């Protein structure tokens, strides 16, 4: 019973992290509360991976699981971007690591800077999610950077955002970048970042490559 309570508590924190933090004002030095919430969310993810029936880990992987590996939380990688919406958004079929051909709407692009270097990423919406409650504002950004296939997973990483209010920047929180499930288990089919979503800088934030 106590274990179930702990899991539920940390999954609640994950929900907070996934829905609210990217709407905060950009800070070069993250607040103590922000760091604590994000660290708690990471602990909650570890608990979910270890005990949840929906964990991507196979039973044999759980035996030696010591937790996911992350870069240190750094406010430098929580950046404000200019979201430019496509006037006539295209429906695109995303490449995956398997045979799936999921359809996404290319919502637009987000322009931002890292270390003073201009970057741009295409931003998507998963069509199947748009019919679900509270998902119409969700944005999905798969990307690669100069850490890919080195410190981070070779298939790229993902970040999630919400459409900002008109006139407000899109907050890209790379501290919350996470691996697709195929990074842990090859039975999953995962979206691959499109070629235009290759960043020219190192993003030393978020989740690192999974090592068993």
Foldseek 3Di string as FASTA:
>chain_A
DVLVVLLVVLVVLLVCVQAPPQPDDQDQDDDPVNQVSLVSNQVSVLSCLQDPPPHLADPVRNVPDPGFDWFRFGSLQWWWWAWDFDPDWDWAFFDKPDDDTFIKTFGGKIWTDHPNDIAMFTKIAGPVCCPPPPRVFKIKTWAAEPCAPPFADVQTWIGMWGNDDPPGTRIDRQLAIGHDSCLNPVVDMGGGGDPSRYYHHDDRHHTTRDDD
